[in-house]
Amino acid sequence: MTKLPNKEITNSKPIIIFPYRGYENNKQCEWYFWWTIDQCKEIDSKPIVMLPRDTVIRGDAASFINDERYKTLEVVQTWAVDTCQTWLAGWGHVIDNYPEAERIVQIPGDLDYVDEDVDFYDNLKKFIEITDSDITIGDFQTGDKYGSKSLVDTYGTYSLLANWFPNISQGIKSIHLNRARSEFLNIKTSILRNLLINNRNFAYEQTLNFLIKCWNYDTAKWKYNISTFLLGTLSDNKSFRDYRACVDQIERIERMLSLLWREIKEPKKKDSLSDQDFEQQYALFSSDYDNLRTKSKGIMETARTTLRAMLGGANLGDL
């Protein structure tokens, strides 16, 4: 891909999510963060950094705030229940303050476990500069099939999505996407604005939510031009390899999918439809939901059993 020399050509606003735990004692994470900043400056002279307020108060952003390079950035401090809500705050900041921005590029700032890092960083640079799709998701592989990232997706994301939204599972397969929960997102601002304003938002699993809302259920096709860009391989951050955290993730995925299924599939009362016919439609809807929920519970039980065996949860007793 040809290097894009300045922000006038791309007209993109990059958003980097500052590591929730900071990088005070993590030189690799610090290096990655500032390398990402430098790459984003190729398309925007003053990239946006979303900084959690509680990270600041705990003192985990002290070295960042005291760094001379801090002054070259647009830092937005915000309260959020988790990282995905920080995304939402960043997107809203761009929409409110930069209406001329054509694209928003979101990048996590907490990577410190990259395999084959030279290739990964080169690919990330190209990902930042993409402008030829409606939505591009930065995709990646994991180095350990028994690590938490792979296990959560294999026994949680993929299985639950196939249960609740099988057509979307096929659609994701068609675009060769490995990680439907990726935090790397390059999207047209107009499309992001529509997704945020006219659809339900979540403080978690926002990329997966977007994919579900970008599907045309009448034509069984994507509403937009969605592409993936393979960045490379990310290993698990070992500090997150625990039973409870993985179960938390899978449970919130299931909660979101079941809620969206009800929202999307619930029959709408039309003037031309009799009360009796509408009641029959609703009874069928309720029956379908109960059947899918029963299957979903089975998937959750399998996921918990597997996670306990693979991540050491079998030694934790009944949690």
Protein backbone atom coordinates (compact mmCIF):
# COMPACT_ATOMS: atom_id res chain seq x y z
CA MET A 1 0.00 0.00 0.00
CA THR A 2 1.32 3.45 -0.91
CA LYS A 3 2.07 5.68 2.06
CA LEU A 4 -0.43 8.45 2.56
CA PRO A 5 1.56 11.60 3.31
CA ASN A 6 -0.85 13.71 5.32
CA LYS A 7 -4.20 13.95 7.04
CA GLU A 8 -5.77 16.05 4.28
CA ILE A 9 -5.80 12.98 2.03
CA THR A 10 -7.18 10.54 4.58
CA ASN A 11 -9.21 13.00 6.71
CA SER A 12 -9.25 10.42 9.50
CA LYS A 13 -9.26 10.88 13.27
CA PRO A 14 -7.35 8.18 15.12
CA ILE A 15 -8.34 7.30 18.67
CA ILE A 16 -5.92 5.40 20.90
CA ILE A 17 -7.31 3.81 24.06
CA PHE A 18 -4.82 4.32 26.90
CA PRO A 19 -4.04 1.10 28.83
CA TYR A 20 -6.42 0.82 31.78
CA ARG A 21 -3.58 -0.37 34.03
CA GLY A 22 -1.11 2.07 32.51
CA TYR A 23 2.40 1.12 31.48
CA GLU A 24 4.34 2.24 34.57
CA ASN A 25 6.23 -1.06 34.85
CA ASN A 26 5.77 -2.40 31.34
CA LYS A 27 8.39 -1.18 28.86
CA GLN A 28 7.00 -3.26 26.00
CA CYS A 29 3.52 -1.77 26.39
CA GLU A 30 5.00 1.73 26.67
CA TRP A 31 7.00 1.23 23.48
CA TYR A 32 3.96 -0.06 21.59
CA PHE A 33 1.80 2.82 22.79
CA TRP A 34 4.18 5.54 21.63
CA TRP A 35 4.98 3.72 18.39
CA THR A 36 1.23 3.70 17.69
CA ILE A 37 1.05 7.43 18.44
CA ASP A 38 3.84 8.11 15.94
CA GLN A 39 2.07 6.12 13.23
CA CYS A 40 -1.21 7.93 13.87
CA LYS A 41 0.57 11.26 13.48
CA GLU A 42 1.14 10.31 9.85
CA ILE A 43 -2.57 10.98 9.26
CA ASP A 44 -3.38 13.38 12.11
CA SER A 45 -0.89 15.75 13.74
CA LYS A 46 -2.69 15.55 17.10
CA PRO A 47 -4.17 12.09 17.72
CA ILE A 48 -6.82 11.58 20.38
CA VAL A 49 -5.99 9.50 23.45
CA MET A 50 -8.85 8.31 25.66
CA LEU A 51 -7.61 8.21 29.25
CA PRO A 52 -9.74 6.63 32.01
CA ARG A 53 -10.07 8.94 34.99
CA ASP A 54 -9.69 6.12 37.51
CA THR A 55 -6.37 5.20 35.87
CA VAL A 56 -5.22 8.78 36.49
CA ILE A 57 -6.46 8.83 40.09
CA ARG A 58 -4.70 5.54 40.89
CA GLY A 59 -1.46 7.04 39.61
CA ASP A 60 -1.12 4.53 36.78
CA ALA A 61 -0.84 7.28 34.15
CA ALA A 62 1.73 9.42 35.96
CA SER A 63 4.62 8.80 33.58
CA PHE A 64 2.33 9.38 30.58
CA ILE A 65 1.03 12.72 31.91
CA ASN A 66 4.56 13.87 32.79
CA ASP A 67 5.96 12.89 29.40
CA GLU A 68 6.81 15.89 27.19
CA ARG A 69 5.08 14.14 24.28
CA TYR A 70 1.79 14.35 26.22
CA LYS A 71 1.47 17.99 25.11
CA THR A 72 1.40 16.95 21.45
CA LEU A 73 -1.76 14.88 21.93
CA GLU A 74 -5.45 15.58 22.46
CA VAL A 75 -6.08 13.71 25.70
CA VAL A 76 -9.69 13.17 26.75
CA GLN A 77 -10.16 11.96 30.33
CA THR A 78 -13.39 10.10 30.93
CA TRP A 79 -15.21 7.90 33.40
CA ALA A 80 -16.27 4.54 32.02
CA VAL A 81 -17.37 1.17 33.39
CA ASP A 82 -15.03 -0.65 31.02
CA THR A 83 -12.91 -0.23 27.89
CA CYS A 84 -15.83 -0.50 25.47
CA GLN A 85 -17.55 2.46 27.13
CA THR A 86 -14.29 4.37 26.70
CA TRP A 87 -14.61 3.60 22.98
CA LEU A 88 -18.08 5.13 22.99
CA ALA A 89 -16.81 8.28 24.70
CA GLY A 90 -14.06 8.61 22.09
CA TRP A 91 -16.39 8.13 19.15
CA GLY A 92 -18.82 10.67 20.59
CA HIS A 93 -15.97 13.15 21.10
CA VAL A 94 -15.03 12.97 17.41
CA ILE A 95 -18.65 13.18 16.20
CA ASP A 96 -19.31 16.20 18.42
CA ASN A 97 -16.08 18.08 17.77
CA TYR A 98 -14.85 17.02 14.34
CA PRO A 99 -17.87 16.89 12.01
CA GLU A 100 -15.57 17.10 8.97
CA ALA A 101 -13.77 13.84 9.83
CA GLU A 102 -14.57 11.19 7.26
CA ARG A 103 -13.17 8.21 9.15
CA ILE A 104 -12.46 7.16 12.71
CA VAL A 105 -9.64 4.72 13.45
CA GLN A 106 -9.69 3.06 16.86
CA ILE A 107 -6.64 1.25 18.23
CA PRO A 108 -6.10 -0.38 21.63
CA GLY A 109 -3.05 0.97 23.42
CA ASP A 110 -2.41 -1.92 25.79
CA LEU A 111 -0.62 -4.49 23.61
CA ASP A 112 2.52 -6.05 25.05
CA TYR A 113 2.24 -9.59 23.78
CA VAL A 114 2.74 -9.36 20.02
CA ASP A 115 4.32 -12.24 18.10
CA GLU A 116 6.49 -11.40 15.07
CA ASP A 117 6.23 -7.78 16.11
CA VAL A 118 7.99 -6.22 13.12
CA ASP A 119 5.40 -7.59 10.70
CA PHE A 120 2.56 -6.75 13.09
CA TYR A 121 3.58 -3.11 13.45
CA ASP A 122 4.10 -2.77 9.70
CA ASN A 123 0.61 -4.16 9.11
CA LEU A 124 -0.88 -1.89 11.76
CA LYS A 125 0.61 1.13 9.98
CA LYS A 126 -1.18 0.07 6.78
CA PHE A 127 -4.41 -0.54 8.70
CA ILE A 128 -4.38 3.01 10.06
CA GLU A 129 -4.16 4.40 6.52
CA ILE A 130 -7.06 2.40 4.99
CA THR A 131 -9.75 4.52 3.33
CA ASP A 132 -11.34 2.25 0.70
CA SER A 133 -14.03 0.43 2.71
CA ASP A 134 -17.07 1.34 4.78
CA ILE A 135 -15.78 -0.67 7.74
CA THR A 136 -12.46 -2.43 8.14
CA ILE A 137 -11.88 -4.65 11.15
CA GLY A 138 -8.29 -5.28 12.20
CA ASP A 139 -8.13 -9.05 12.49
CA PHE A 140 -5.56 -11.21 14.26
CA GLN A 141 -4.72 -14.77 15.15
CA THR A 142 -3.74 -16.09 18.55
CA GLY A 143 -0.60 -18.03 19.22
CA ASP A 144 -2.15 -20.42 21.72
CA LYS A 145 -5.37 -22.29 20.92
CA TYR A 146 -5.73 -23.07 24.62
CA GLY A 147 -5.27 -19.46 25.68
CA SER A 148 -8.17 -17.41 27.01
CA LYS A 149 -8.71 -15.38 23.81
CA SER A 150 -9.13 -18.51 21.70
CA LEU A 151 -11.20 -20.36 24.28
CA VAL A 152 -13.62 -17.46 24.81
CA ASP A 153 -14.19 -17.15 21.07
CA THR A 154 -14.32 -20.88 20.28
CA TYR A 155 -16.64 -21.90 23.12
CA GLY A 156 -18.37 -18.57 23.58
CA THR A 157 -18.49 -16.10 20.69
CA TYR A 158 -18.63 -18.49 17.73
CA SER A 159 -20.95 -21.05 19.33
CA LEU A 160 -23.37 -18.50 20.76
CA LEU A 161 -23.47 -16.46 17.56
CA ALA A 162 -24.19 -19.62 15.54
CA ASN A 163 -27.10 -20.33 17.87
CA TRP A 164 -28.70 -16.89 17.91
CA PHE A 165 -27.69 -15.52 14.48
CA PRO A 166 -26.60 -18.37 12.15
CA ASN A 167 -26.83 -16.20 9.01
CA ILE A 168 -24.44 -13.67 10.50
CA SER A 169 -22.04 -16.48 11.38
CA GLN A 170 -21.97 -17.37 7.69
CA GLY A 171 -21.54 -13.71 6.79
CA ILE A 172 -18.54 -13.40 9.12
CA LYS A 173 -17.07 -16.51 7.54
CA SER A 174 -17.48 -14.95 4.09
CA ILE A 175 -15.28 -11.98 5.03
CA HIS A 176 -12.67 -14.28 6.65
CA LEU A 177 -12.91 -12.65 10.06
CA ASN A 178 -11.25 -14.52 12.94
CA ARG A 179 -12.01 -12.10 15.77
CA ALA A 180 -15.51 -10.65 15.77
CA ARG A 181 -14.68 -8.88 19.05
CA SER A 182 -11.60 -7.10 17.70
CA GLU A 183 -10.71 -3.71 19.19
CA PHE A 184 -9.09 -2.55 15.94
CA LEU A 185 -11.69 -0.61 13.94
CA ASN A 186 -11.37 1.69 10.90
CA ILE A 187 -14.82 3.01 9.96
CA LYS A 188 -16.52 5.80 8.03
CA THR A 189 -17.76 8.42 10.47
CA SER A 190 -21.17 8.63 8.77
CA ILE A 191 -21.76 4.90 9.30
CA LEU A 192 -20.51 5.00 12.89
CA ARG A 193 -22.78 7.95 13.59
CA ASN A 194 -25.78 6.02 12.28
CA LEU A 195 -24.89 2.93 14.30
CA LEU A 196 -24.54 4.96 17.50
CA ILE A 197 -27.58 7.20 17.14
CA ASN A 198 -30.14 4.83 15.62
CA ASN A 199 -29.26 1.60 17.40
CA ARG A 200 -28.80 0.23 20.89
CA ASN A 201 -25.29 0.64 22.29
CA PHE A 202 -23.51 -1.56 24.78
CA ALA A 203 -20.67 -0.88 27.19
CA TYR A 204 -19.14 -4.16 26.02
CA GLU A 205 -18.61 -6.22 22.84
CA GLN A 206 -19.37 -3.20 20.67
CA THR A 207 -17.71 -4.57 17.52
CA LEU A 208 -19.85 -7.71 17.64
CA ASN A 209 -22.91 -5.53 18.21
CA PHE A 210 -22.04 -3.48 15.12
CA LEU A 211 -21.71 -6.60 12.97
CA ILE A 212 -25.18 -7.74 14.04
CA LYS A 213 -26.63 -4.31 13.25
CA CYS A 214 -24.85 -4.18 9.86
CA TRP A 215 -26.63 -7.30 8.63
CA ASN A 216 -29.65 -6.99 6.30
CA TYR A 217 -32.05 -9.64 7.56
CA ASP A 218 -34.28 -9.39 4.49
CA THR A 219 -31.57 -9.98 1.89
CA ALA A 220 -29.18 -11.99 4.11
CA LYS A 221 -26.30 -9.70 3.09
CA TRP A 222 -24.16 -7.02 4.68
CA LYS A 223 -25.58 -3.50 4.49
CA TYR A 224 -22.11 -2.05 4.03
CA ASN A 225 -18.79 -2.88 2.45
CA ILE A 226 -17.11 -4.68 5.35
CA SER A 227 -13.55 -5.92 5.02
CA THR A 228 -10.91 -7.38 7.30
CA PHE A 229 -7.21 -6.65 7.53
CA LEU A 230 -5.00 -9.33 9.06
CA LEU A 231 -2.55 -7.69 11.45
CA GLY A 232 -0.69 -10.76 12.69
CA THR A 233 -0.61 -12.81 15.88
CA LEU A 234 -1.38 -11.74 19.43
CA SER A 235 -0.63 -14.03 22.34
CA ASP A 236 -2.64 -14.02 25.52
CA ASN A 237 -1.81 -11.52 28.19
CA LYS A 238 -1.14 -14.07 30.90
CA SER A 239 -2.54 -11.86 33.66
CA PHE A 240 -6.03 -12.38 32.19
CA ARG A 241 -5.79 -16.14 31.85
CA ASP A 242 -8.22 -17.03 34.61
CA TYR A 243 -11.53 -18.79 34.83
CA ARG A 244 -13.63 -15.97 36.24
CA ALA A 245 -12.63 -13.31 33.70
CA CYS A 246 -13.35 -15.65 30.79
CA VAL A 247 -16.74 -16.67 32.18
CA ASP A 248 -17.57 -12.98 32.67
CA GLN A 249 -16.83 -12.34 29.00
CA ILE A 250 -18.88 -15.27 27.72
CA GLU A 251 -21.85 -14.42 29.94
CA ARG A 252 -21.97 -10.84 28.71
CA ILE A 253 -21.71 -12.04 25.08
CA GLU A 254 -24.69 -14.33 25.66
CA ARG A 255 -26.63 -11.56 27.39
CA MET A 256 -26.10 -9.18 24.47
CA LEU A 257 -26.93 -11.75 21.77
CA SER A 258 -30.17 -12.86 23.42
CA LEU A 259 -31.25 -9.25 23.95
CA LEU A 260 -30.50 -8.30 20.33
CA TRP A 261 -32.32 -11.38 19.04
CA ARG A 262 -35.46 -10.37 20.93
CA GLU A 263 -35.14 -6.79 19.73
CA ILE A 264 -34.65 -7.77 16.08
CA LYS A 265 -37.06 -10.72 15.89
CA GLU A 266 -39.97 -9.44 17.97
CA PRO A 267 -43.09 -9.12 15.77
CA LYS A 268 -44.32 -5.60 15.11
CA LYS A 269 -48.06 -4.94 15.18
CA LYS A 270 -49.27 -3.66 11.81
CA ASP A 271 -52.64 -2.04 11.19
CA SER A 272 -53.45 -4.64 8.56
CA LEU A 273 -52.84 -7.49 11.01
CA SER A 274 -55.67 -8.76 13.22
CA ASP A 275 -55.14 -9.16 16.94
CA GLN A 276 -55.52 -12.92 16.59
CA ASP A 277 -52.89 -13.17 13.86
CA PHE A 278 -50.53 -10.94 15.84
CA GLU A 279 -51.05 -13.13 18.90
CA GLN A 280 -50.10 -16.19 16.86
CA GLN A 281 -46.97 -14.47 15.57
CA TYR A 282 -45.99 -13.51 19.09
CA ALA A 283 -46.57 -17.03 20.36
CA LEU A 284 -44.24 -18.36 17.66
CA PHE A 285 -41.67 -15.71 18.53
CA SER A 286 -41.81 -16.69 22.21
CA SER A 287 -41.49 -20.37 21.37
CA ASP A 288 -38.49 -19.76 19.11
CA TYR A 289 -36.84 -17.71 21.83
CA ASP A 290 -37.37 -20.39 24.46
CA ASN A 291 -35.85 -23.03 22.16
CA LEU A 292 -32.80 -20.89 21.40
CA ARG A 293 -32.37 -20.00 25.07
CA THR A 294 -32.37 -23.68 26.01
CA LYS A 295 -29.63 -24.36 23.45
CA SER A 296 -27.75 -21.30 24.66
CA LYS A 297 -27.74 -22.60 28.22
CA GLY A 298 -26.20 -25.84 26.95
CA ILE A 299 -23.49 -23.89 25.14
CA MET A 300 -22.75 -21.94 28.31
CA GLU A 301 -22.43 -25.13 30.36
CA THR A 302 -20.01 -26.61 27.83
CA ALA A 303 -18.00 -23.38 27.83
CA ARG A 304 -17.71 -23.30 31.62
CA THR A 305 -16.68 -26.95 31.78
CA THR A 306 -14.01 -26.45 29.12
CA LEU A 307 -12.68 -23.25 30.66
CA ARG A 308 -12.33 -24.87 34.07
CA ALA A 309 -10.28 -27.68 32.54
CA MET A 310 -8.11 -25.51 30.31
CA LEU A 311 -7.51 -22.48 32.53
CA GLY A 312 -7.13 -24.16 35.88
CA GLY A 313 -10.66 -23.50 37.09
CA ALA A 314 -11.10 -27.20 37.95
CA ASN A 315 -8.90 -26.58 40.98
CA LEU A 316 -10.88 -23.61 42.19
CA GLY A 317 -13.86 -25.49 43.55
CA ASP A 318 -17.42 -24.36 42.89
CA LEU A 319 -17.38 -20.74 41.80
